Amino acid sequence: MALIEGLVRDGTVALLALVILGLEGLAILFAAKRQARLPLLANAASGVALILALRAALLGQAPHWIALWLGLGFAAHLLDVFGRLRR
């Protein structure tokens, strides 16, 4: 239990999630058809921004950094949604 608590307190859990999401992004680039890449990458970008907002909050960073990451995540989410609606 102490290991998990430590990973959360120092933000390492967010870094691990980013590594996993990065590997997923690479897999998307190599495996997905060209038309399907943009919505999938926009979805991944949204996830990255949310994870970075989580990390900023876990590390006690200033609220403007958390808001920045959340705003970027929302923009990527909108790109994802509009990409899906166009199909």
Protein backbone atom coordinates (compact mmCIF):
# COMPACT_ATOMS: atom_id res chain seq x y z
CA MET A 1 0.00 0.00 0.00
CA ALA A 2 2.88 2.37 0.75
CA LEU A 3 4.24 1.85 -2.78
CA ILE A 4 0.97 2.94 -4.38
CA GLU A 5 0.71 5.91 -2.03
CA GLY A 6 4.23 6.99 -2.96
CA LEU A 7 3.54 6.67 -6.69
CA VAL A 8 0.48 8.88 -6.33
CA ARG A 9 2.05 11.48 -4.02
CA ASP A 10 5.04 12.20 -6.26
CA GLY A 11 3.09 12.10 -9.53
CA THR A 12 4.87 9.00 -10.84
CA VAL A 13 1.53 7.31 -11.45
CA ALA A 14 0.73 10.05 -13.97
CA LEU A 15 4.08 9.58 -15.70
CA LEU A 16 3.43 5.85 -15.98
CA ALA A 17 0.03 6.58 -17.51
CA LEU A 18 1.68 8.96 -20.00
CA VAL A 19 4.16 6.28 -21.06
CA ILE A 20 1.32 3.82 -21.63
CA LEU A 21 -0.66 6.42 -23.57
CA GLY A 22 2.44 7.25 -25.63
CA LEU A 23 2.84 3.61 -26.59
CA GLU A 24 -0.83 3.53 -27.53
CA GLY A 25 -0.32 6.62 -29.70
CA LEU A 26 2.57 4.96 -31.52
CA ALA A 27 0.46 1.87 -32.10
CA ILE A 28 -2.31 4.07 -33.54
CA LEU A 29 0.13 5.75 -35.92
CA PHE A 30 1.38 2.44 -37.25
CA ALA A 31 -1.80 0.36 -37.21
CA ALA A 32 -4.74 2.67 -37.90
CA LYS A 33 -5.90 3.64 -41.34
CA ARG A 34 -5.01 7.16 -42.35
CA GLN A 35 -8.59 8.50 -42.01
CA ALA A 36 -9.00 7.02 -38.53
CA ARG A 37 -5.80 8.50 -37.11
CA LEU A 38 -6.90 12.07 -36.41
CA PRO A 39 -9.87 11.26 -34.15
CA LEU A 40 -7.86 8.59 -32.34
CA LEU A 41 -4.89 10.90 -31.83
CA ALA A 42 -7.21 13.72 -30.71
CA ASN A 43 -8.70 11.33 -28.18
CA ALA A 44 -5.21 10.39 -26.99
CA ALA A 45 -4.21 14.07 -26.78
CA SER A 46 -7.25 14.72 -24.61
CA GLY A 47 -6.17 11.91 -22.32
CA VAL A 48 -2.61 13.23 -22.15
CA ALA A 49 -3.84 16.68 -21.16
CA LEU A 50 -6.09 15.25 -18.45
CA ILE A 51 -3.24 13.16 -17.07
CA LEU A 52 -0.98 16.23 -17.03
CA ALA A 53 -3.71 18.15 -15.16
CA LEU A 54 -3.85 15.30 -12.64
CA ARG A 55 -0.07 15.37 -12.24
CA ALA A 56 -0.08 19.13 -11.76
CA ALA A 57 -2.74 18.78 -9.05
CA LEU A 58 -0.90 15.92 -7.34
CA LEU A 59 2.30 17.96 -7.23
CA GLY A 60 0.51 21.03 -5.87
CA GLN A 61 1.26 23.21 -8.88
CA ALA A 62 -0.44 26.56 -9.34
CA PRO A 63 -4.09 26.44 -10.40
CA HIS A 64 -3.35 28.15 -13.72
CA TRP A 65 -1.30 25.11 -14.82
CA ILE A 66 -4.14 22.77 -13.95
CA ALA A 67 -6.58 25.03 -15.83
CA LEU A 68 -4.24 25.16 -18.84
CA TRP A 69 -4.05 21.36 -19.10
CA LEU A 70 -7.81 21.05 -18.64
CA GLY A 71 -8.41 23.65 -21.35
CA LEU A 72 -6.09 21.88 -23.77
CA GLY A 73 -7.80 18.60 -22.95
CA PHE A 74 -11.17 20.16 -23.73
CA ALA A 75 -9.88 21.51 -27.06
CA ALA A 76 -8.57 18.06 -28.00
CA HIS A 77 -11.86 16.53 -26.92
CA LEU A 78 -13.77 18.92 -29.20
CA LEU A 79 -11.48 17.99 -32.09
CA ASP A 80 -12.22 14.34 -31.37
CA VAL A 81 -15.99 14.89 -31.21
CA PHE A 82 -16.14 16.94 -34.41
CA GLY A 83 -13.94 14.39 -36.16
CA ARG A 84 -16.36 11.64 -35.21
CA LEU A 85 -19.40 13.68 -36.30
CA ARG A 86 -17.89 14.29 -39.74
CA ARG A 87 -17.67 10.55 -40.46
